[in-house]
Amino acid sequence: SSINGQVIRYGDVLLMLAESYIQQGNSGAEPLAL
């Protein structure tokens, strides 16, 4: 197989960013949009 292993991709980053908002008590527009 030549399929590359995904270590970090943008979809993961967007969900980690959403989590960073939620963990600070913000479950509003920013994490919802992400």
PDB file of all heavy atoms in Angstrom:
ATOM      1  N   SER A   1       0.803  -1.216   0.000  1.00  0.00           N
ATOM      2  CA  SER A   1       0.000   0.000   0.000  1.00  0.00           C
ATOM      3  C   SER A   1       0.838   1.269   0.000  1.00  0.00           C
ATOM      4  O   SER A   1       1.813   1.407   0.747  1.00  0.00           O
ATOM      5  CB  SER A   1      -0.929   0.019   1.214  1.00  0.00           C
ATOM      6  OG  SER A   1      -1.643   1.240   1.278  1.00  0.00           O
ATOM      7  N   SER A   2       0.416   2.213  -0.825  1.00  0.00           N
ATOM      8  CA  SER A   2       1.056   3.532  -0.880  1.00  0.00           C
ATOM      9  C   SER A   2       0.265   4.592  -0.119  1.00  0.00           C
ATOM     10  O   SER A   2       0.629   5.770  -0.154  1.00  0.00           O
ATOM     11  CB  SER A   2       1.187   3.976  -2.339  1.00  0.00           C
ATOM     12  OG  SER A   2      -0.105   4.161  -2.915  1.00  0.00           O
ATOM     13  N   ILE A   3      -0.802   4.207   0.568  1.00  0.00           N
ATOM     14  CA  ILE A   3      -1.649   5.178   1.249  1.00  0.00           C
ATOM     15  C   ILE A   3      -0.895   5.769   2.442  1.00  0.00           C
ATOM     16  O   ILE A   3      -0.439   5.039   3.327  1.00  0.00           O
ATOM     17  CB  ILE A   3      -2.972   4.542   1.712  1.00  0.00           C
ATOM     18  CG1 ILE A   3      -3.725   3.975   0.507  1.00  0.00           C
ATOM     19  CG2 ILE A   3      -3.829   5.562   2.457  1.00  0.00           C
ATOM     20  CD1 ILE A   3      -4.983   3.205   0.880  1.00  0.00           C
ATOM     21  N   ASN A   4      -0.772   7.080   2.463  1.00  0.00           N
ATOM     22  CA  ASN A   4      -0.039   7.756   3.536  1.00  0.00           C
ATOM     23  C   ASN A   4      -0.834   7.740   4.834  1.00  0.00           C
ATOM     24  O   ASN A   4      -2.064   7.829   4.838  1.00  0.00           O
ATOM     25  CB  ASN A   4       0.265   9.199   3.143  1.00  0.00           C
ATOM     26  CG  ASN A   4       1.179   9.296   1.941  1.00  0.00           C
ATOM     27  OD1 ASN A   4       1.960   8.394   1.675  1.00  0.00           O
ATOM     28  ND2 ASN A   4       1.075  10.390   1.208  1.00  0.00           N
ATOM     29  N   GLY A   5      -0.113   7.656   5.949  1.00  0.00           N
ATOM     30  CA  GLY A   5      -0.748   7.701   7.258  1.00  0.00           C
ATOM     31  C   GLY A   5      -1.055   9.123   7.670  1.00  0.00           C
ATOM     32  O   GLY A   5      -0.170   9.988   7.625  1.00  0.00           O
ATOM     33  N   GLN A   6      -2.289   9.386   8.077  1.00  0.00           N
ATOM     34  CA  GLN A   6      -2.691  10.720   8.516  1.00  0.00           C
ATOM     35  C   GLN A   6      -2.339  10.899   9.992  1.00  0.00           C
ATOM     36  O   GLN A   6      -2.958  10.308  10.869  1.00  0.00           O
ATOM     37  CB  GLN A   6      -4.200  10.913   8.317  1.00  0.00           C
ATOM     38  CG  GLN A   6      -4.663  10.883   6.875  1.00  0.00           C
ATOM     39  CD  GLN A   6      -4.319  12.168   6.121  1.00  0.00           C
ATOM     40  OE1 GLN A   6      -3.583  13.021   6.620  1.00  0.00           O
ATOM     41  NE2 GLN A   6      -4.847  12.316   4.920  1.00  0.00           N
ATOM     42  N   VAL A   7      -1.322  11.711  10.267  1.00  0.00           N
ATOM     43  CA  VAL A   7      -0.919  11.972  11.650  1.00  0.00           C
ATOM     44  C   VAL A   7      -1.727  13.138  12.214  1.00  0.00           C
ATOM     45  O   VAL A   7      -2.304  13.038  13.305  1.00  0.00           O
ATOM     46  CB  VAL A   7       0.589  12.267  11.729  1.00  0.00           C
ATOM     47  CG1 VAL A   7       1.015  12.532  13.175  1.00  0.00           C
ATOM     48  CG2 VAL A   7       1.387  11.094  11.161  1.00  0.00           C
ATOM     49  N   ILE A   8      -1.755  14.246  11.516  1.00  0.00           N
ATOM     50  CA  ILE A   8      -2.596  15.394  11.887  1.00  0.00           C
ATOM     51  C   ILE A   8      -3.216  15.947  10.607  1.00  0.00           C
ATOM     52  O   ILE A   8      -2.504  16.197   9.635  1.00  0.00           O
ATOM     53  CB  ILE A   8      -1.807  16.519  12.587  1.00  0.00           C
ATOM     54  CG1 ILE A   8      -1.019  15.979  13.778  1.00  0.00           C
ATOM     55  CG2 ILE A   8      -2.748  17.632  13.064  1.00  0.00           C
ATOM     56  CD1 ILE A   8      -0.161  17.042  14.469  1.00  0.00           C
ATOM     57  N   ARG A   9      -4.513  16.136  10.607  1.00  0.00           N
ATOM     58  CA  ARG A   9      -5.194  16.736   9.461  1.00  0.00           C
ATOM     59  C   ARG A   9      -6.137  17.832   9.948  1.00  0.00           C
ATOM     60  O   ARG A   9      -6.437  17.944  11.145  1.00  0.00           O
ATOM     61  CB  ARG A   9      -5.923  15.683   8.630  1.00  0.00           C
ATOM     62  CG  ARG A   9      -6.980  14.863   9.372  1.00  0.00           C
ATOM     63  CD  ARG A   9      -7.565  13.801   8.449  1.00  0.00           C
ATOM     64  NE  ARG A   9      -8.558  12.957   9.076  1.00  0.00           N
ATOM     65  CZ  ARG A   9      -9.858  13.233   9.171  1.00  0.00           C
ATOM     66  NH1 ARG A   9     -10.323  14.398   8.699  1.00  0.00           N
ATOM     67  NH2 ARG A   9     -10.701  12.400   9.748  1.00  0.00           N
ATOM     68  N   TYR A  10      -6.604  18.627   8.991  1.00  0.00           N
ATOM     69  CA  TYR A  10      -7.349  19.833   9.338  1.00  0.00           C
ATOM     70  C   TYR A  10      -8.667  19.518  10.047  1.00  0.00           C
ATOM     71  O   TYR A  10      -9.079  20.257  10.954  1.00  0.00           O
ATOM     72  CB  TYR A  10      -7.595  20.650   8.074  1.00  0.00           C
ATOM     73  CG  TYR A  10      -8.100  22.063   8.329  1.00  0.00           C
ATOM     74  CD1 TYR A  10      -7.411  22.928   9.165  1.00  0.00           C
ATOM     75  CD2 TYR A  10      -9.251  22.530   7.701  1.00  0.00           C
ATOM     76  CE1 TYR A  10      -7.863  24.227   9.385  1.00  0.00           C
ATOM     77  CE2 TYR A  10      -9.709  23.815   7.912  1.00  0.00           C
ATOM     78  CZ  TYR A  10      -9.019  24.664   8.760  1.00  0.00           C
ATOM     79  OH  TYR A  10      -9.467  25.934   8.970  1.00  0.00           O
ATOM     80  N   GLY A  11      -9.333  18.434   9.655  1.00  0.00           N
ATOM     81  CA  GLY A  11     -10.573  18.075  10.333  1.00  0.00           C
ATOM     82  C   GLY A  11     -10.354  17.826  11.816  1.00  0.00           C
ATOM     83  O   GLY A  11     -11.172  18.225  12.664  1.00  0.00           O
ATOM     84  N   ASP A  12      -9.263  17.181  12.154  1.00  0.00           N
ATOM     85  CA  ASP A  12      -8.892  16.942  13.543  1.00  0.00           C
ATOM     86  C   ASP A  12      -8.646  18.273  14.257  1.00  0.00           C
ATOM     87  O   ASP A  12      -9.091  18.493  15.395  1.00  0.00           O
ATOM     88  CB  ASP A  12      -7.643  16.061  13.573  1.00  0.00           C
ATOM     89  CG  ASP A  12      -7.230  15.625  14.975  1.00  0.00           C
ATOM     90  OD1 ASP A  12      -7.960  15.875  15.932  1.00  0.00           O
ATOM     91  OD2 ASP A  12      -6.148  15.010  15.095  1.00  0.00           O
ATOM     92  N   VAL A  13      -7.945  19.182  13.597  1.00  0.00           N
ATOM     93  CA  VAL A  13      -7.651  20.495  14.184  1.00  0.00           C
ATOM     94  C   VAL A  13      -8.943  21.252  14.495  1.00  0.00           C
ATOM     95  O   VAL A  13      -9.081  21.847  15.575  1.00  0.00           O
ATOM     96  CB  VAL A  13      -6.755  21.322  13.248  1.00  0.00           C
ATOM     97  CG1 VAL A  13      -6.745  22.797  13.639  1.00  0.00           C
ATOM     98  CG2 VAL A  13      -5.330  20.770  13.262  1.00  0.00           C
ATOM     99  N   LEU A  14      -9.895  21.241  13.568  1.00  0.00           N
ATOM    100  CA  LEU A  14     -11.155  21.955  13.800  1.00  0.00           C
ATOM    101  C   LEU A  14     -11.898  21.389  15.008  1.00  0.00           C
ATOM    102  O   LEU A  14     -12.479  22.145  15.803  1.00  0.00           O
ATOM    103  CB  LEU A  14     -12.041  21.877  12.555  1.00  0.00           C
ATOM    104  CG  LEU A  14     -11.518  22.618  11.310  1.00  0.00           C
ATOM    105  CD1 LEU A  14     -12.496  22.451  10.154  1.00  0.00           C
ATOM    106  CD2 LEU A  14     -11.278  24.097  11.591  1.00  0.00           C
ATOM    107  N   LEU A  15     -11.871  20.066  15.174  1.00  0.00           N
ATOM    108  CA  LEU A  15     -12.550  19.469  16.322  1.00  0.00           C
ATOM    109  C   LEU A  15     -11.787  19.736  17.620  1.00  0.00           C
ATOM    110  O   LEU A  15     -12.408  19.927  18.674  1.00  0.00           O
ATOM    111  CB  LEU A  15     -12.738  17.974  16.092  1.00  0.00           C
ATOM    112  CG  LEU A  15     -13.711  17.608  14.961  1.00  0.00           C
ATOM    113  CD1 LEU A  15     -13.789  16.101  14.788  1.00  0.00           C
ATOM    114  CD2 LEU A  15     -15.106  18.188  15.218  1.00  0.00           C
ATOM    115  N   MET A  16     -10.468  19.746  17.574  1.00  0.00           N
ATOM    116  CA  MET A  16      -9.707  20.113  18.774  1.00  0.00           C
ATOM    117  C   MET A  16      -9.968  21.566  19.149  1.00  0.00           C
ATOM    118  O   MET A  16     -10.099  21.896  20.346  1.00  0.00           O
ATOM    119  CB  MET A  16      -8.211  19.875  18.549  1.00  0.00           C
ATOM    120  CG  MET A  16      -7.800  18.416  18.515  1.00  0.00           C
ATOM    121  SD  MET A  16      -6.007  18.153  18.607  1.00  0.00           S
ATOM    122  CE  MET A  16      -5.481  18.752  17.001  1.00  0.00           C
ATOM    123  N   LEU A  17     -10.073  22.434  18.153  1.00  0.00           N
ATOM    124  CA  LEU A  17     -10.375  23.842  18.426  1.00  0.00           C
ATOM    125  C   LEU A  17     -11.758  23.975  19.038  1.00  0.00           C
ATOM    126  O   LEU A  17     -11.953  24.727  20.012  1.00  0.00           O
ATOM    127  CB  LEU A  17     -10.270  24.650  17.131  1.00  0.00           C
ATOM    128  CG  LEU A  17     -10.549  26.152  17.219  1.00  0.00           C
ATOM    129  CD1 LEU A  17      -9.658  26.826  18.265  1.00  0.00           C
ATOM    130  CD2 LEU A  17     -10.357  26.807  15.851  1.00  0.00           C
ATOM    131  N   ALA A  18     -12.731  23.245  18.504  1.00  0.00           N
ATOM    132  CA  ALA A  18     -14.079  23.259  19.086  1.00  0.00           C
ATOM    133  C   ALA A  18     -14.044  22.800  20.534  1.00  0.00           C
ATOM    134  O   ALA A  18     -14.688  23.390  21.414  1.00  0.00           O
ATOM    135  CB  ALA A  18     -15.004  22.364  18.260  1.00  0.00           C
ATOM    136  N   GLU A  19     -13.280  21.760  20.804  1.00  0.00           N
ATOM    137  CA  GLU A  19     -13.187  21.260  22.178  1.00  0.00           C
ATOM    138  C   GLU A  19     -12.567  22.297  23.109  1.00  0.00           C
ATOM    139  O   GLU A  19     -12.995  22.430  24.271  1.00  0.00           O
ATOM    140  CB  GLU A  19     -12.359  19.969  22.217  1.00  0.00           C
ATOM    141  CG  GLU A  19     -12.250  19.387  23.619  1.00  0.00           C
ATOM    142  CD  GLU A  19     -11.467  18.096  23.679  1.00  0.00           C
ATOM    143  OE1 GLU A  19     -11.159  17.510  22.623  1.00  0.00           O
ATOM    144  OE2 GLU A  19     -11.148  17.664  24.817  1.00  0.00           O
ATOM    145  N   SER A  20     -11.574  23.033  22.616  1.00  0.00           N
ATOM    146  CA  SER A  20     -10.937  24.032  23.469  1.00  0.00           C
ATOM    147  C   SER A  20     -11.931  25.102  23.906  1.00  0.00           C
ATOM    148  O   SER A  20     -11.867  25.613  25.034  1.00  0.00           O
ATOM    149  CB  SER A  20      -9.743  24.665  22.751  1.00  0.00           C
ATOM    150  OG  SER A  20     -10.143  25.514  21.693  1.00  0.00           O
ATOM    151  N   TYR A  21     -12.854  25.466  23.034  1.00  0.00           N
ATOM    152  CA  TYR A  21     -13.919  26.400  23.416  1.00  0.00           C
ATOM    153  C   TYR A  21     -14.850  25.775  24.457  1.00  0.00           C
ATOM    154  O   TYR A  21     -15.168  26.393  25.495  1.00  0.00           O
ATOM    155  CB  TYR A  21     -14.748  26.787  22.188  1.00  0.00           C
ATOM    156  CG  TYR A  21     -14.137  27.834  21.293  1.00  0.00           C
ATOM    157  CD1 TYR A  21     -13.623  27.485  20.040  1.00  0.00           C
ATOM    158  CD2 TYR A  21     -14.089  29.175  21.666  1.00  0.00           C
ATOM    159  CE1 TYR A  21     -13.074  28.441  19.197  1.00  0.00           C
ATOM    160  CE2 TYR A  21     -13.539  30.136  20.826  1.00  0.00           C
ATOM    161  CZ  TYR A  21     -13.035  29.767  19.596  1.00  0.00           C
ATOM    162  OH  TYR A  21     -12.490  30.715  18.762  1.00  0.00           O
ATOM    163  N   ILE A  22     -15.310  24.567  24.168  1.00  0.00           N
ATOM    164  CA  ILE A  22     -16.284  23.914  25.049  1.00  0.00           C
ATOM    165  C   ILE A  22     -15.703  23.703  26.443  1.00  0.00           C
ATOM    166  O   ILE A  22     -16.383  23.921  27.460  1.00  0.00           O
ATOM    167  CB  ILE A  22     -16.735  22.580  24.434  1.00  0.00           C
ATOM    168  CG1 ILE A  22     -17.501  22.822  23.127  1.00  0.00           C
ATOM    169  CG2 ILE A  22     -17.611  21.798  25.407  1.00  0.00           C
ATOM    170  CD1 ILE A  22     -17.751  21.568  22.311  1.00  0.00           C
ATOM    171  N   GLN A  23     -14.443  23.287  26.512  1.00  0.00           N
ATOM    172  CA  GLN A  23     -13.825  23.031  27.817  1.00  0.00           C
ATOM    173  C   GLN A  23     -13.678  24.295  28.643  1.00  0.00           C
ATOM    174  O   GLN A  23     -13.522  24.227  29.867  1.00  0.00           O
ATOM    175  CB  GLN A  23     -12.456  22.374  27.614  1.00  0.00           C
ATOM    176  CG  GLN A  23     -12.501  20.985  26.987  1.00  0.00           C
ATOM    177  CD  GLN A  23     -12.873  19.894  27.982  1.00  0.00           C
ATOM    178  OE1 GLN A  23     -13.416  20.162  29.062  1.00  0.00           O
ATOM    179  NE2 GLN A  23     -12.579  18.657  27.635  1.00  0.00           N
ATOM    180  N   GLN A  24     -13.759  25.457  28.000  1.00  0.00           N
ATOM    181  CA  GLN A  24     -13.725  26.732  28.725  1.00  0.00           C
ATOM    182  C   GLN A  24     -15.133  27.228  29.070  1.00  0.00           C
ATOM    183  O   GLN A  24     -15.289  28.343  29.558  1.00  0.00           O
ATOM    184  CB  GLN A  24     -13.007  27.794  27.889  1.00  0.00           C
ATOM    185  CG  GLN A  24     -11.534  27.506  27.657  1.00  0.00           C
ATOM    186  CD  GLN A  24     -10.875  28.566  26.781  1.00  0.00           C
ATOM    187  OE1 GLN A  24     -10.491  29.637  27.266  1.00  0.00           O
ATOM    188  NE2 GLN A  24     -10.764  28.288  25.488  1.00  0.00           N
ATOM    189  N   GLY A  25     -16.139  26.403  28.812  1.00  0.00           N
ATOM    190  CA  GLY A  25     -17.508  26.779  29.133  1.00  0.00           C
ATOM    191  C   GLY A  25     -18.252  27.456  28.012  1.00  0.00           C
ATOM    192  O   GLY A  25     -19.395  27.909  28.194  1.00  0.00           O
ATOM    193  N   ASN A  26     -17.666  27.525  26.832  1.00  0.00           N
ATOM    194  CA  ASN A  26     -18.308  28.157  25.675  1.00  0.00           C
ATOM    195  C   ASN A  26     -18.850  27.066  24.760  1.00  0.00           C
ATOM    196  O   ASN A  26     -18.096  26.408  24.040  1.00  0.00           O
ATOM    197  CB  ASN A  26     -17.298  29.022  24.927  1.00  0.00           C
ATOM    198  CG  ASN A  26     -17.886  29.690  23.689  1.00  0.00           C
ATOM    199  OD1 ASN A  26     -19.024  29.414  23.293  1.00  0.00           O
ATOM    200  ND2 ASN A  26     -17.120  30.574  23.066  1.00  0.00           N
ATOM    201  N   SER A  27     -20.143  26.853  24.795  1.00  0.00           N
ATOM    202  CA  SER A  27     -20.776  25.873  23.900  1.00  0.00           C
ATOM    203  C   SER A  27     -21.653  26.580  22.867  1.00  0.00           C
ATOM    204  O   SER A  27     -22.618  26.021  22.361  1.00  0.00           O
ATOM    205  CB  SER A  27     -21.611  24.866  24.703  1.00  0.00           C
ATOM    206  OG  SER A  27     -22.604  25.530  25.482  1.00  0.00           O
ATOM    207  N   GLY A  28     -21.297  27.830  22.558  1.00  0.00           N
ATOM    208  CA  GLY A  28     -22.106  28.652  21.674  1.00  0.00           C
ATOM    209  C   GLY A  28     -21.691  28.622  20.222  1.00  0.00           C
ATOM    210  O   GLY A  28     -21.351  27.577  19.660  1.00  0.00           O
ATOM    211  N   ALA A  29     -21.671  29.793  19.599  1.00  0.00           N
ATOM    212  CA  ALA A  29     -21.545  29.909  18.145  1.00  0.00           C
ATOM    213  C   ALA A  29     -20.218  29.374  17.613  1.00  0.00           C
ATOM    214  O   ALA A  29     -20.190  28.741  16.550  1.00  0.00           O
ATOM    215  CB  ALA A  29     -21.721  31.368  17.736  1.00  0.00           C
ATOM    216  N   GLU A  30     -19.128  29.635  18.324  1.00  0.00           N
ATOM    217  CA  GLU A  30     -17.818  29.243  17.783  1.00  0.00           C
ATOM    218  C   GLU A  30     -17.661  27.727  17.648  1.00  0.00           C
ATOM    219  O   GLU A  30     -17.382  27.230  16.551  1.00  0.00           O
ATOM    220  CB  GLU A  30     -16.678  29.830  18.637  1.00  0.00           C
ATOM    221  CG  GLU A  30     -16.566  31.333  18.564  1.00  0.00           C
ATOM    222  CD  GLU A  30     -17.395  32.031  19.631  1.00  0.00           C
ATOM    223  OE1 GLU A  30     -18.260  31.364  20.262  1.00  0.00           O
ATOM    224  OE2 GLU A  30     -17.184  33.240  19.843  1.00  0.00           O
ATOM    225  N   PRO A  31     -17.845  26.955  18.743  1.00  0.00           N
ATOM    226  CA  PRO A  31     -17.699  25.502  18.574  1.00  0.00           C
ATOM    227  C   PRO A  31     -18.803  24.902  17.701  1.00  0.00           C
ATOM    228  O   PRO A  31     -18.555  23.920  16.995  1.00  0.00           O
ATOM    229  CB  PRO A  31     -17.751  24.964  20.001  1.00  0.00           C
ATOM    230  CG  PRO A  31     -18.451  26.022  20.793  1.00  0.00           C
ATOM    231  CD  PRO A  31     -18.064  27.310  20.160  1.00  0.00           C
ATOM    232  N   LEU A  32     -19.991  25.479  17.731  1.00  0.00           N
ATOM    233  CA  LEU A  32     -21.087  24.994  16.883  1.00  0.00           C
ATOM    234  C   LEU A  32     -20.693  25.091  15.412  1.00  0.00           C
ATOM    235  O   LEU A  32     -20.873  24.138  14.631  1.00  0.00           O
ATOM    236  CB  LEU A  32     -22.353  25.798  17.150  1.00  0.00           C
ATOM    237  CG  LEU A  32     -23.567  25.473  16.265  1.00  0.00           C
ATOM    238  CD1 LEU A  32     -24.053  24.064  16.525  1.00  0.00           C
ATOM    239  CD2 LEU A  32     -24.689  26.496  16.503  1.00  0.00           C
ATOM    240  N   ALA A  33     -20.131  26.231  15.020  1.00  0.00           N
ATOM    241  CA  ALA A  33     -19.747  26.422  13.622  1.00  0.00           C
ATOM    242  C   ALA A  33     -18.628  25.468  13.218  1.00  0.00           C
ATOM    243  O   ALA A  33     -18.619  24.933  12.095  1.00  0.00           O
ATOM    244  CB  ALA A  33     -19.306  27.871  13.405  1.00  0.00           C
ATOM    245  N   LEU A  34     -17.692  25.212  14.109  1.00  0.00           N
ATOM    246  CA  LEU A  34     -16.574  24.327  13.797  1.00  0.00           C
ATOM    247  C   LEU A  34     -17.039  22.887  13.612  1.00  0.00           C
ATOM    248  O   LEU A  34     -16.628  22.194  12.670  1.00  0.00           O
ATOM    249  CB  LEU A  34     -15.522  24.405  14.907  1.00  0.00           C
ATOM    250  CG  LEU A  34     -14.769  25.736  15.016  1.00  0.00           C
ATOM    251  CD1 LEU A  34     -14.053  25.837  16.354  1.00  0.00           C
ATOM    252  CD2 LEU A  34     -13.765  25.880  13.867  1.00  0.00           C
TER     253      LEU A  34
END
